Amino acid sequence: FQLLSSERQMCSLFKRAVRHLEAYNDDRIPYRYEVTLLRAKFDEIKACKDKDPELFNQMLKDQEEELFKNQHRQPKKWPKTIGGIAYGRVAVISDWVLDYWHPLEKDTIPKIFCY
């Protein structure tokens, strides 16, 4: 658990909302239009931060709830992140495997096997 400043909370919420819009829009032009509208909404929230902190926190909370209500049922995930299709597919080969190579195989990579 980590305490975040209000700026970091707002930035994190904005990034999650943009990824949410990306999951719903396949075409780039409507997606960018929606992001522009979202940015205007977040600028409005940011403007009331210094004037009325309670309203700022309430608006931030409302945006969190709206994002949760409208979340995509199958959000986009990057392939190598947790939950992605390529997560954990990297094979880790130990160095001891190279000890069993034939000398002719070792000669193909002289930079690694300097003898």
PDB file of N, CA and C in Angstrom:
ATOM      1  N   PHE A   1       0.842  -1.178   0.000  1.00  0.00           N
ATOM      2  CA  PHE A   1       0.000   0.000   0.000  1.00  0.00           C
ATOM      3  C   PHE A   1       0.883   1.235   0.000  1.00  0.00           C
ATOM      4  N   GLN A   2       0.556   2.190  -0.850  1.00  0.00           N
ATOM      5  CA  GLN A   2       1.377   3.388  -0.970  1.00  0.00           C
ATOM      6  C   GLN A   2       0.471   4.609  -1.033  1.00  0.00           C
ATOM      7  N   LEU A   3       0.813   5.622  -0.250  1.00  0.00           N
ATOM      8  CA  LEU A   3       0.058   6.864  -0.298  1.00  0.00           C
ATOM      9  C   LEU A   3       0.523   7.683  -1.489  1.00  0.00           C
ATOM     10  N   LEU A   4      -0.417   8.169  -2.266  1.00  0.00           N
ATOM     11  CA  LEU A   4      -0.086   8.959  -3.442  1.00  0.00           C
ATOM     12  C   LEU A   4      -0.587  10.376  -3.258  1.00  0.00           C
ATOM     13  N   SER A   5       0.160  11.315  -3.815  1.00  0.00           N
ATOM     14  CA  SER A   5      -0.304  12.696  -3.790  1.00  0.00           C
ATOM     15  C   SER A   5      -1.498  12.831  -4.733  1.00  0.00           C
ATOM     16  N   SER A   6      -2.208  13.925  -4.582  1.00  0.00           N
ATOM     17  CA  SER A   6      -3.398  14.114  -5.422  1.00  0.00           C
ATOM     18  C   SER A   6      -3.018  14.238  -6.895  1.00  0.00           C
ATOM     19  N   GLU A   7      -1.835  14.817  -7.171  1.00  0.00           N
ATOM     20  CA  GLU A   7      -1.388  14.920  -8.566  1.00  0.00           C
ATOM     21  C   GLU A   7      -1.133  13.541  -9.164  1.00  0.00           C
ATOM     22  N   ARG A   8      -0.488  12.664  -8.388  1.00  0.00           N
ATOM     23  CA  ARG A   8      -0.202  11.310  -8.874  1.00  0.00           C
ATOM     24  C   ARG A   8      -1.490  10.504  -9.034  1.00  0.00           C
ATOM     25  N   GLN A   9      -2.438  10.702  -8.125  1.00  0.00           N
ATOM     26  CA  GLN A   9      -3.720  10.010  -8.246  1.00  0.00           C
ATOM     27  C   GLN A   9      -4.422  10.430  -9.528  1.00  0.00           C
ATOM     28  N   MET A  10      -4.401  11.742  -9.800  1.00  0.00           N
ATOM     29  CA  MET A  10      -5.076  12.242 -10.989  1.00  0.00           C
ATOM     30  C   MET A  10      -4.373  11.759 -12.257  1.00  0.00           C
ATOM     31  N   CYS A  11      -3.045  11.754 -12.234  1.00  0.00           N
ATOM     32  CA  CYS A  11      -2.282  11.280 -13.397  1.00  0.00           C
ATOM     33  C   CYS A  11      -2.543   9.790 -13.641  1.00  0.00           C
ATOM     34  N   SER A  12      -2.552   9.014 -12.579  1.00  0.00           N
ATOM     35  CA  SER A  12      -2.816   7.585 -12.701  1.00  0.00           C
ATOM     36  C   SER A  12      -4.225   7.326 -13.226  1.00  0.00           C
ATOM     37  N   LEU A  13      -5.179   8.070 -12.707  1.00  0.00           N
ATOM     38  CA  LEU A  13      -6.564   7.921 -13.159  1.00  0.00           C
ATOM     39  C   LEU A  13      -6.696   8.305 -14.626  1.00  0.00           C
ATOM     40  N   PHE A  14      -6.012   9.368 -15.042  1.00  0.00           N
ATOM     41  CA  PHE A  14      -6.062   9.791 -16.440  1.00  0.00           C
ATOM     42  C   PHE A  14      -5.475   8.714 -17.350  1.00  0.00           C
ATOM     43  N   LYS A  15      -4.345   8.149 -16.956  1.00  0.00           N
ATOM     44  CA  LYS A  15      -3.723   7.098 -17.771  1.00  0.00           C
ATOM     45  C   LYS A  15      -4.629   5.873 -17.887  1.00  0.00           C
ATOM     46  N   ARG A  16      -5.249   5.487 -16.774  1.00  0.00           N
ATOM     47  CA  ARG A  16      -6.164   4.341 -16.818  1.00  0.00           C
ATOM     48  C   ARG A  16      -7.375   4.634 -17.688  1.00  0.00           C
ATOM     49  N   ALA A  17      -7.865   5.878 -17.632  1.00  0.00           N
ATOM     50  CA  ALA A  17      -9.020   6.256 -18.451  1.00  0.00           C
ATOM     51  C   ALA A  17      -8.660   6.262 -19.934  1.00  0.00           C
ATOM     52  N   VAL A  18      -7.441   6.700 -20.259  1.00  0.00           N
ATOM     53  CA  VAL A  18      -7.002   6.696 -21.661  1.00  0.00           C
ATOM     54  C   VAL A  18      -6.875   5.260 -22.166  1.00  0.00           C
ATOM     55  N   ARG A  19      -6.320   4.366 -21.349  1.00  0.00           N
ATOM     56  CA  ARG A  19      -6.231   2.949 -21.737  1.00  0.00           C
ATOM     57  C   ARG A  19      -7.626   2.338 -21.886  1.00  0.00           C
ATOM     58  N   HIS A  20      -8.536   2.776 -21.058  1.00  0.00           N
ATOM     59  CA  HIS A  20      -9.925   2.320 -21.148  1.00  0.00           C
ATOM     60  C   HIS A  20     -10.528   2.736 -22.488  1.00  0.00           C
ATOM     61  N   LEU A  21     -10.304   3.987 -22.886  1.00  0.00           N
ATOM     62  CA  LEU A  21     -10.812   4.455 -24.178  1.00  0.00           C
ATOM     63  C   LEU A  21     -10.153   3.708 -25.328  1.00  0.00           C
ATOM     64  N   GLU A  22      -8.880   3.395 -25.170  1.00  0.00           N
ATOM     65  CA  GLU A  22      -8.162   2.663 -26.212  1.00  0.00           C
ATOM     66  C   GLU A  22      -8.754   1.265 -26.398  1.00  0.00           C
ATOM     67  N   ALA A  23      -9.223   0.656 -25.318  1.00  0.00           N
ATOM     68  CA  ALA A  23      -9.820  -0.679 -25.413  1.00  0.00           C
ATOM     69  C   ALA A  23     -11.139  -0.645 -26.173  1.00  0.00           C
ATOM     70  N   TYR A  24     -11.878   0.453 -26.066  1.00  0.00           N
ATOM     71  CA  TYR A  24     -13.178   0.556 -26.726  1.00  0.00           C
ATOM     72  C   TYR A  24     -13.088   1.030 -28.172  1.00  0.00           C
ATOM     73  N   ASN A  25     -12.066   1.806 -28.526  1.00  0.00           N
ATOM     74  CA  ASN A  25     -11.988   2.402 -29.864  1.00  0.00           C
ATOM     75  C   ASN A  25     -10.889   1.751 -30.683  1.00  0.00           C
ATOM     76  N   ASP A  26     -11.269   1.162 -31.802  1.00  0.00           N
ATOM     77  CA  ASP A  26     -10.282   0.579 -32.701  1.00  0.00           C
ATOM     78  C   ASP A  26      -9.729   1.612 -33.671  1.00  0.00           C
ATOM     79  N   ASP A  27     -10.559   2.562 -34.048  1.00  0.00           N
ATOM     80  CA  ASP A  27     -10.144   3.586 -34.999  1.00  0.00           C
ATOM     81  C   ASP A  27      -9.457   4.723 -34.253  1.00  0.00           C
ATOM     82  N   ARG A  28      -8.385   5.244 -34.826  1.00  0.00           N
ATOM     83  CA  ARG A  28      -7.557   6.241 -34.141  1.00  0.00           C
ATOM     84  C   ARG A  28      -8.239   7.606 -34.011  1.00  0.00           C
ATOM     85  N   ILE A  29      -8.986   8.025 -35.014  1.00  0.00           N
ATOM     86  CA  ILE A  29      -9.566   9.370 -35.006  1.00  0.00           C
ATOM     87  C   ILE A  29     -10.619   9.527 -33.907  1.00  0.00           C
ATOM     88  N   PRO A  30     -11.608   8.641 -33.794  1.00  0.00           N
ATOM     89  CA  PRO A  30     -12.550   8.782 -32.666  1.00  0.00           C
ATOM     90  C   PRO A  30     -11.862   8.634 -31.306  1.00  0.00           C
ATOM     91  N   TYR A  31     -10.848   7.789 -31.258  1.00  0.00           N
ATOM     92  CA  TYR A  31     -10.105   7.603 -30.008  1.00  0.00           C
ATOM     93  C   TYR A  31      -9.435   8.902 -29.580  1.00  0.00           C
ATOM     94  N   ARG A  32      -8.776   9.591 -30.502  1.00  0.00           N
ATOM     95  CA  ARG A  32      -8.101  10.848 -30.162  1.00  0.00           C
ATOM     96  C   ARG A  32      -9.115  11.922 -29.773  1.00  0.00           C
ATOM     97  N   TYR A  33     -10.276  11.922 -30.418  1.00  0.00           N
ATOM     98  CA  TYR A  33     -11.323  12.879 -30.071  1.00  0.00           C
ATOM     99  C   TYR A  33     -11.800  12.645 -28.634  1.00  0.00           C
ATOM    100  N   GLU A  34     -12.037  11.390 -28.288  1.00  0.00           N
ATOM    101  CA  GLU A  34     -12.473  11.054 -26.932  1.00  0.00           C
ATOM    102  C   GLU A  34     -11.404  11.404 -25.898  1.00  0.00           C
ATOM    103  N   VAL A  35     -10.134  11.195 -26.241  1.00  0.00           N
ATOM    104  CA  VAL A  35      -9.050  11.549 -25.321  1.00  0.00           C
ATOM    105  C   VAL A  35      -9.001  13.057 -25.114  1.00  0.00           C
ATOM    106  N   THR A  36      -9.261  13.826 -26.173  1.00  0.00           N
ATOM    107  CA  THR A  36      -9.289  15.284 -26.047  1.00  0.00           C
ATOM    108  C   THR A  36     -10.407  15.729 -25.113  1.00  0.00           C
ATOM    109  N   LEU A  37     -11.582  15.128 -25.243  1.00  0.00           N
ATOM    110  CA  LEU A  37     -12.686  15.453 -24.341  1.00  0.00           C
ATOM    111  C   LEU A  37     -12.355  15.055 -22.897  1.00  0.00           C
ATOM    112  N   LEU A  38     -11.711  13.912 -22.750  1.00  0.00           N
ATOM    113  CA  LEU A  38     -11.314  13.456 -21.423  1.00  0.00           C
ATOM    114  C   LEU A  38     -10.300  14.404 -20.805  1.00  0.00           C
ATOM    115  N   ARG A  39      -9.360  14.865 -21.615  1.00  0.00           N
ATOM    116  CA  ARG A  39      -8.349  15.807 -21.121  1.00  0.00           C
ATOM    117  C   ARG A  39      -9.004  17.105 -20.657  1.00  0.00           C
ATOM    118  N   ALA A  40      -9.999  17.575 -21.392  1.00  0.00           N
ATOM    119  CA  ALA A  40     -10.713  18.792 -20.991  1.00  0.00           C
ATOM    120  C   ALA A  40     -11.412  18.578 -19.651  1.00  0.00           C
ATOM    121  N   LYS A  41     -11.975  17.388 -19.461  1.00  0.00           N
ATOM    122  CA  LYS A  41     -12.653  17.084 -18.197  1.00  0.00           C
ATOM    123  C   LYS A  41     -11.652  17.071 -17.039  1.00  0.00           C
ATOM    124  N   PHE A  42     -10.475  16.491 -17.279  1.00  0.00           N
ATOM    125  CA  PHE A  42      -9.463  16.443 -16.230  1.00  0.00           C
ATOM    126  C   PHE A  42      -8.844  17.817 -15.976  1.00  0.00           C
ATOM    127  N   ASP A  43      -8.746  18.652 -16.997  1.00  0.00           N
ATOM    128  CA  ASP A  43      -8.277  20.021 -16.782  1.00  0.00           C
ATOM    129  C   ASP A  43      -9.259  20.800 -15.923  1.00  0.00           C
ATOM    130  N   GLU A  44     -10.536  20.535 -16.112  1.00  0.00           N
ATOM    131  CA  GLU A  44     -11.568  21.168 -15.284  1.00  0.00           C
ATOM    132  C   GLU A  44     -11.441  20.718 -13.825  1.00  0.00           C
ATOM    133  N   ILE A  45     -11.161  19.442 -13.628  1.00  0.00           N
ATOM    134  CA  ILE A  45     -10.966  18.926 -12.270  1.00  0.00           C
ATOM    135  C   ILE A  45      -9.717  19.549 -11.648  1.00  0.00           C
ATOM    136  N   LYS A  46      -8.660  19.655 -12.443  1.00  0.00           N
ATOM    137  CA  LYS A  46      -7.403  20.218 -11.944  1.00  0.00           C
ATOM    138  C   LYS A  46      -7.557  21.689 -11.575  1.00  0.00           C
ATOM    139  N   ALA A  47      -8.399  22.413 -12.308  1.00  0.00           N
ATOM    140  CA  ALA A  47      -8.595  23.841 -12.047  1.00  0.00           C
ATOM    141  C   ALA A  47      -9.246  24.079 -10.692  1.00  0.00           C
ATOM    142  N   CYS A  48     -10.077  23.169 -10.243  1.00  0.00           N
ATOM    143  CA  CYS A  48     -10.760  23.367  -8.961  1.00  0.00           C
ATOM    144  C   CYS A  48      -9.950  22.834  -7.784  1.00  0.00           C
ATOM    145  N   LYS A  49      -8.734  22.335  -8.038  1.00  0.00           N
ATOM    146  CA  LYS A  49      -7.930  21.750  -6.968  1.00  0.00           C
ATOM    147  C   LYS A  49      -7.564  22.771  -5.895  1.00  0.00           C
ATOM    148  N   ASP A  50      -7.063  23.932  -6.305  1.00  0.00           N
ATOM    149  CA  ASP A  50      -6.642  24.943  -5.338  1.00  0.00           C
ATOM    150  C   ASP A  50      -7.822  25.708  -4.748  1.00  0.00           C
ATOM    151  N   LYS A  51      -8.883  25.861  -5.534  1.00  0.00           N
ATOM    152  CA  LYS A  51     -10.044  26.630  -5.067  1.00  0.00           C
ATOM    153  C   LYS A  51     -10.848  25.870  -4.019  1.00  0.00           C
ATOM    154  N   ASP A  52     -11.138  24.618  -4.319  1.00  0.00           N
ATOM    155  CA  ASP A  52     -11.984  23.827  -3.422  1.00  0.00           C
ATOM    156  C   ASP A  52     -11.472  22.382  -3.376  1.00  0.00           C
ATOM    157  N   PRO A  53     -10.585  22.066  -2.423  1.00  0.00           N
ATOM    158  CA  PRO A  53     -10.015  20.715  -2.358  1.00  0.00           C
ATOM    159  C   PRO A  53     -11.058  19.610  -2.144  1.00  0.00           C
ATOM    160  N   GLU A  54     -12.122  19.916  -1.411  1.00  0.00           N
ATOM    161  CA  GLU A  54     -13.151  18.897  -1.183  1.00  0.00           C
ATOM    162  C   GLU A  54     -13.878  18.549  -2.479  1.00  0.00           C
ATOM    163  N   LEU A  55     -14.176  19.571  -3.276  1.00  0.00           N
ATOM    164  CA  LEU A  55     -14.811  19.337  -4.578  1.00  0.00           C
ATOM    165  C   LEU A  55     -13.871  18.568  -5.496  1.00  0.00           C
ATOM    166  N   PHE A  56     -12.578  18.915  -5.433  1.00  0.00           N
ATOM    167  CA  PHE A  56     -11.570  18.211  -6.231  1.00  0.00           C
ATOM    168  C   PHE A  56     -11.568  16.724  -5.889  1.00  0.00           C
ATOM    169  N   ASN A  57     -11.531  16.406  -4.598  1.00  0.00           N
ATOM    170  CA  ASN A  57     -11.524  14.997  -4.177  1.00  0.00           C
ATOM    171  C   ASN A  57     -12.811  14.288  -4.565  1.00  0.00           C
ATOM    172  N   GLN A  58     -13.926  14.982  -4.465  1.00  0.00           N
ATOM    173  CA  GLN A  58     -15.206  14.383  -4.847  1.00  0.00           C
ATOM    174  C   GLN A  58     -15.258  14.108  -6.351  1.00  0.00           C
ATOM    175  N   MET A  59     -14.780  15.070  -7.152  1.00  0.00           N
ATOM    176  CA  MET A  59     -14.777  14.875  -8.612  1.00  0.00           C
ATOM    177  C   MET A  59     -13.843  13.737  -9.003  1.00  0.00           C
ATOM    178  N   LEU A  60     -12.702  13.643  -8.324  1.00  0.00           N
ATOM    179  CA  LEU A  60     -11.764  12.554  -8.592  1.00  0.00           C
ATOM    180  C   LEU A  60     -12.402  11.206  -8.241  1.00  0.00           C
ATOM    181  N   LYS A  61     -13.087  11.161  -7.120  1.00  0.00           N
ATOM    182  CA  LYS A  61     -13.767   9.933  -6.704  1.00  0.00           C
ATOM    183  C   LYS A  61     -14.871   9.557  -7.698  1.00  0.00           C
ATOM    184  N   ASP A  62     -15.608  10.566  -8.187  1.00  0.00           N
ATOM    185  CA  ASP A  62     -16.659  10.304  -9.175  1.00  0.00           C
ATOM    186  C   ASP A  62     -16.079   9.741 -10.468  1.00  0.00           C
ATOM    187  N   GLN A  63     -14.931  10.264 -10.888  1.00  0.00           N
ATOM    188  CA  GLN A  63     -14.288   9.755 -12.101  1.00  0.00           C
ATOM    189  C   GLN A  63     -13.826   8.311 -11.910  1.00  0.00           C
ATOM    190  N   GLU A  64     -13.310   8.001 -10.714  1.00  0.00           N
ATOM    191  CA  GLU A  64     -12.909   6.618 -10.415  1.00  0.00           C
ATOM    192  C   GLU A  64     -14.112   5.677 -10.529  1.00  0.00           C
ATOM    193  N   GLU A  65     -15.233   6.093  -9.964  1.00  0.00           N
ATOM    194  CA  GLU A  65     -16.438   5.262 -10.005  1.00  0.00           C
ATOM    195  C   GLU A  65     -16.955   5.102 -11.429  1.00  0.00           C
ATOM    196  N   GLU A  66     -16.907   6.185 -12.207  1.00  0.00           N
ATOM    197  CA  GLU A  66     -17.357   6.112 -13.601  1.00  0.00           C
ATOM    198  C   GLU A  66     -16.476   5.168 -14.408  1.00  0.00           C
ATOM    199  N   LEU A  67     -15.167   5.238 -14.165  1.00  0.00           N
ATOM    200  CA  LEU A  67     -14.246   4.339 -14.857  1.00  0.00           C
ATOM    201  C   LEU A  67     -14.530   2.889 -14.474  1.00  0.00           C
ATOM    202  N   PHE A  68     -14.813   2.655 -13.205  1.00  0.00           N
ATOM    203  CA  PHE A  68     -15.100   1.296 -12.754  1.00  0.00           C
ATOM    204  C   PHE A  68     -16.403   0.769 -13.348  1.00  0.00           C
ATOM    205  N   LYS A  69     -17.426   1.611 -13.406  1.00  0.00           N
ATOM    206  CA  LYS A  69     -18.723   1.190 -13.951  1.00  0.00           C
ATOM    207  C   LYS A  69     -18.638   0.853 -15.436  1.00  0.00           C
ATOM    208  N   ASN A  70     -17.848   1.609 -16.174  1.00  0.00           N
ATOM    209  CA  ASN A  70     -17.792   1.453 -17.628  1.00  0.00           C
ATOM    210  C   ASN A  70     -16.582   0.674 -18.104  1.00  0.00           C
ATOM    211  N   GLN A  71     -15.937  -0.059 -17.219  1.00  0.00           N
ATOM    212  CA  GLN A  71     -14.724  -0.747 -17.634  1.00  0.00           C
ATOM    213  C   GLN A  71     -15.019  -1.814 -18.696  1.00  0.00           C
ATOM    214  N   HIS A  72     -14.052  -2.012 -19.556  1.00  0.00           N
ATOM    215  CA  HIS A  72     -14.175  -2.976 -20.647  1.00  0.00           C
ATOM    216  C   HIS A  72     -14.110  -4.384 -20.076  1.00  0.00           C
ATOM    217  N   ARG A  73     -14.910  -5.296 -20.634  1.00  0.00           N
ATOM    218  CA  ARG A  73     -14.912  -6.656 -20.077  1.00  0.00           C
ATOM    219  C   ARG A  73     -13.687  -7.452 -20.476  1.00  0.00           C
ATOM    220  N   GLN A  74     -13.002  -7.001 -21.538  1.00  0.00           N
ATOM    221  CA  GLN A  74     -11.767  -7.656 -21.935  1.00  0.00           C
ATOM    222  C   GLN A  74     -10.753  -6.575 -22.322  1.00  0.00           C
ATOM    223  N   PRO A  75     -10.119  -5.937 -21.325  1.00  0.00           N
ATOM    224  CA  PRO A  75      -9.230  -4.816 -21.626  1.00  0.00           C
ATOM    225  C   PRO A  75      -7.971  -5.260 -22.358  1.00  0.00           C
ATOM    226  N   LYS A  76      -7.368  -4.305 -23.075  1.00  0.00           N
ATOM    227  CA  LYS A  76      -6.122  -4.598 -23.774  1.00  0.00           C
ATOM    228  C   LYS A  76      -5.009  -4.801 -22.762  1.00  0.00           C
ATOM    229  N   LYS A  77      -4.163  -5.765 -23.033  1.00  0.00           N
ATOM    230  CA  LYS A  77      -2.994  -6.005 -22.193  1.00  0.00           C
ATOM    231  C   LYS A  77      -1.788  -6.140 -23.107  1.00  0.00           C
ATOM    232  N   TRP A  78      -0.666  -5.603 -22.652  1.00  0.00           N
ATOM    233  CA  TRP A  78       0.558  -5.762 -23.422  1.00  0.00           C
ATOM    234  C   TRP A  78       0.987  -7.218 -23.336  1.00  0.00           C
ATOM    235  N   PRO A  79       1.558  -7.770 -24.411  1.00  0.00           N
ATOM    236  CA  PRO A  79       1.845  -9.209 -24.453  1.00  0.00           C
ATOM    237  C   PRO A  79       2.729  -9.730 -23.320  1.00  0.00           C
ATOM    238  N   LYS A  80       3.747  -8.983 -22.918  1.00  0.00           N
ATOM    239  CA  LYS A  80       4.684  -9.504 -21.927  1.00  0.00           C
ATOM    240  C   LYS A  80       4.367  -9.079 -20.496  1.00  0.00           C
ATOM    241  N   THR A  81       3.235  -8.403 -20.275  1.00  0.00           N
ATOM    242  CA  THR A  81       2.846  -8.050 -18.915  1.00  0.00           C
ATOM    243  C   THR A  81       2.059  -9.195 -18.287  1.00  0.00           C
ATOM    244  N   ILE A  82       1.847  -9.116 -16.994  1.00  0.00           N
ATOM    245  CA  ILE A  82       1.085 -10.160 -16.301  1.00  0.00           C
ATOM    246  C   ILE A  82      -0.327 -10.192 -16.880  1.00  0.00           C
ATOM    247  N   GLY A  83      -0.740 -11.353 -17.332  1.00  0.00           N
ATOM    248  CA  GLY A  83      -2.043 -11.496 -17.964  1.00  0.00           C
ATOM    249  C   GLY A  83      -1.966 -11.422 -19.477  1.00  0.00           C
ATOM    250  N   GLY A  84      -0.814 -11.035 -20.021  1.00  0.00           N
ATOM    251  CA  GLY A  84      -0.640 -10.975 -21.464  1.00  0.00           C
ATOM    252  C   GLY A  84      -0.367 -12.353 -22.042  1.00  0.00           C
ATOM    253  N   ILE A  85      -0.460 -12.472 -23.370  1.00  0.00           N
ATOM    254  CA  ILE A  85      -0.330 -13.791 -23.988  1.00  0.00           C
ATOM    255  C   ILE A  85       1.102 -14.302 -24.018  1.00  0.00           C
ATOM    256  N   ALA A  86       2.098 -13.428 -23.862  1.00  0.00           N
ATOM    257  CA  ALA A  86       3.488 -13.861 -23.915  1.00  0.00           C
ATOM    258  C   ALA A  86       4.167 -13.796 -22.548  1.00  0.00           C
ATOM    259  N   TYR A  87       3.386 -13.630 -21.482  1.00  0.00           N
ATOM    260  CA  TYR A  87       3.975 -13.527 -20.144  1.00  0.00           C
ATOM    261  C   TYR A  87       4.581 -14.863 -19.722  1.00  0.00           C
ATOM    262  N   GLY A  88       5.832 -14.840 -19.319  1.00  0.00           N
ATOM    263  CA  GLY A  88       6.507 -16.035 -18.833  1.00  0.00           C
ATOM    264  C   GLY A  88       6.982 -16.973 -19.918  1.00  0.00           C
ATOM    265  N   ARG A  89       7.057 -16.515 -21.150  1.00  0.00           N
ATOM    266  CA  ARG A  89       7.464 -17.401 -22.239  1.00  0.00           C
ATOM    267  C   ARG A  89       8.957 -17.348 -22.535  1.00  0.00           C
ATOM    268  N   VAL A  90       9.683 -16.498 -21.853  1.00  0.00           N
ATOM    269  CA  VAL A  90      11.106 -16.368 -22.120  1.00  0.00           C
ATOM    270  C   VAL A  90      11.828 -17.533 -21.450  1.00  0.00           C
ATOM    271  N   ALA A  91      12.536 -18.305 -22.250  1.00  0.00           N
ATOM    272  CA  ALA A  91      13.270 -19.441 -21.714  1.00  0.00           C
ATOM    273  C   ALA A  91      14.608 -18.953 -21.170  1.00  0.00           C
ATOM    274  N   VAL A  92      14.910 -19.310 -19.945  1.00  0.00           N
ATOM    275  CA  VAL A  92      16.170 -18.935 -19.321  1.00  0.00           C
ATOM    276  C   VAL A  92      17.108 -20.126 -19.443  1.00  0.00           C
ATOM    277  N   ILE A  93      18.183 -19.923 -20.192  1.00  0.00           N
ATOM    278  CA  ILE A  93      19.149 -20.996 -20.407  1.00  0.00           C
ATOM    279  C   ILE A  93      20.363 -20.720 -19.523  1.00  0.00           C
ATOM    280  N   SER A  94      20.720 -21.667 -18.703  1.00  0.00           N
ATOM    281  CA  SER A  94      21.843 -21.506 -17.784  1.00  0.00           C
ATOM    282  C   SER A  94      23.169 -21.565 -18.533  1.00  0.00           C
ATOM    283  N   ASP A  95      24.215 -21.034 -17.902  1.00  0.00           N
ATOM    284  CA  ASP A  95      25.541 -21.022 -18.520  1.00  0.00           C
ATOM    285  C   ASP A  95      26.159 -22.413 -18.614  1.00  0.00           C
ATOM    286  N   TRP A  96      25.763 -23.316 -17.729  1.00  0.00           N
ATOM    287  CA  TRP A  96      26.372 -24.637 -17.740  1.00  0.00           C
ATOM    288  C   TRP A  96      26.046 -25.404 -19.014  1.00  0.00           C
ATOM    289  N   VAL A  97      24.995 -24.997 -19.732  1.00  0.00           N
ATOM    290  CA  VAL A  97      24.635 -25.661 -20.983  1.00  0.00           C
ATOM    291  C   VAL A  97      25.743 -25.461 -22.016  1.00  0.00           C
ATOM    292  N   LEU A  98      26.386 -24.299 -21.967  1.00  0.00           N
ATOM    293  CA  LEU A  98      27.447 -24.010 -22.931  1.00  0.00           C
ATOM    294  C   LEU A  98      28.677 -24.892 -22.718  1.00  0.00           C
ATOM    295  N   ASP A  99      28.840 -25.432 -21.520  1.00  0.00           N
ATOM    296  CA  ASP A  99      29.979 -26.310 -21.256  1.00  0.00           C
ATOM    297  C   ASP A  99      29.890 -27.609 -22.046  1.00  0.00           C
ATOM    298  N   TYR A 100      28.713 -28.002 -22.444  1.00  0.00           N
ATOM    299  CA  TYR A 100      28.524 -29.253 -23.174  1.00  0.00           C
ATOM    300  C   TYR A 100      28.600 -29.080 -24.688  1.00  0.00           C
ATOM    301  N   TRP A 101      28.858 -27.854 -25.147  1.00  0.00           N
ATOM    302  CA  TRP A 101      28.983 -27.634 -26.588  1.00  0.00           C
ATOM    303  C   TRP A 101      30.269 -28.281 -27.106  1.00  0.00           C
ATOM    304  N   HIS A 102      30.219 -28.739 -28.336  1.00  0.00           N
ATOM    305  CA  HIS A 102      31.388 -29.287 -29.004  1.00  0.00           C
ATOM    306  C   HIS A 102      32.339 -28.137 -29.338  1.00  0.00           C
ATOM    307  N   PRO A 103      33.656 -28.378 -29.380  1.00  0.00           N
ATOM    308  CA  PRO A 103      34.599 -27.301 -29.712  1.00  0.00           C
ATOM    309  C   PRO A 103      34.327 -26.634 -31.065  1.00  0.00           C
ATOM    310  N   LEU A 104      33.801 -27.382 -32.031  1.00  0.00           N
ATOM    311  CA  LEU A 104      33.483 -26.766 -33.323  1.00  0.00           C
ATOM    312  C   LEU A 104      32.309 -25.791 -33.192  1.00  0.00           C
ATOM    313  N   GLU A 105      31.365 -26.111 -32.313  1.00  0.00           N
ATOM    314  CA  GLU A 105      30.258 -25.185 -32.062  1.00  0.00           C
ATOM    315  C   GLU A 105      30.755 -23.932 -31.343  1.00  0.00           C
ATOM    316  N   LYS A 106      31.704 -24.119 -30.434  1.00  0.00           N
ATOM    317  CA  LYS A 106      32.254 -22.979 -29.709  1.00  0.00           C
ATOM    318  C   LYS A 106      33.050 -22.059 -30.633  1.00  0.00           C
ATOM    319  N   ASP A 107      33.639 -22.617 -31.671  1.00  0.00           N
ATOM    320  CA  ASP A 107      34.419 -21.810 -32.612  1.00  0.00           C
ATOM    321  C   ASP A 107      33.546 -20.879 -33.444  1.00  0.00           C
ATOM    322  N   THR A 108      32.255 -21.141 -33.517  1.00  0.00           N
ATOM    323  CA  THR A 108      31.367 -20.256 -34.283  1.00  0.00           C
ATOM    324  C   THR A 108      31.130 -18.930 -33.572  1.00  0.00           C
ATOM    325  N   ILE A 109      31.344 -18.894 -32.256  1.00  0.00           N
ATOM    326  CA  ILE A 109      31.157 -17.659 -31.484  1.00  0.00           C
ATOM    327  C   ILE A 109      32.448 -17.378 -30.710  1.00  0.00           C
ATOM    328  N   PRO A 110      33.472 -16.849 -31.376  1.00  0.00           N
ATOM    329  CA  PRO A 110      34.760 -16.658 -30.693  1.00  0.00           C
ATOM    330  C   PRO A 110      34.743 -15.555 -29.626  1.00  0.00           C
ATOM    331  N   LYS A 111      33.807 -14.615 -29.714  1.00  0.00           N
ATOM    332  CA  LYS A 111      33.778 -13.533 -28.716  1.00  0.00           C
ATOM    333  C   LYS A 111      33.374 -14.048 -27.337  1.00  0.00           C
ATOM    334  N   ILE A 112      32.552 -15.078 -27.302  1.00  0.00           N
ATOM    335  CA  ILE A 112      32.109 -15.628 -26.023  1.00  0.00           C
ATOM    336  C   ILE A 112      33.141 -16.601 -25.469  1.00  0.00           C
ATOM    337  N   PHE A 113      33.665 -17.468 -26.357  1.00  0.00           N
ATOM    338  CA  PHE A 113      34.605 -18.494 -25.929  1.00  0.00           C
ATOM    339  C   PHE A 113      36.009 -18.065 -26.332  1.00  0.00           C
ATOM    340  N   CYS A 114      36.670 -17.337 -25.479  1.00  0.00           N
ATOM    341  CA  CYS A 114      38.042 -16.889 -25.752  1.00  0.00           C
ATOM    342  C   CYS A 114      38.999 -17.862 -25.082  1.00  0.00           C
ATOM    343  N   TYR A 115      39.647 -18.676 -25.906  1.00  0.00           N
ATOM    344  CA  TYR A 115      40.626 -19.590 -25.342  1.00  0.00           C
ATOM    345  C   TYR A 115      41.835 -19.665 -26.206  1.00  0.00           C
TER     346      TYR A 115
END
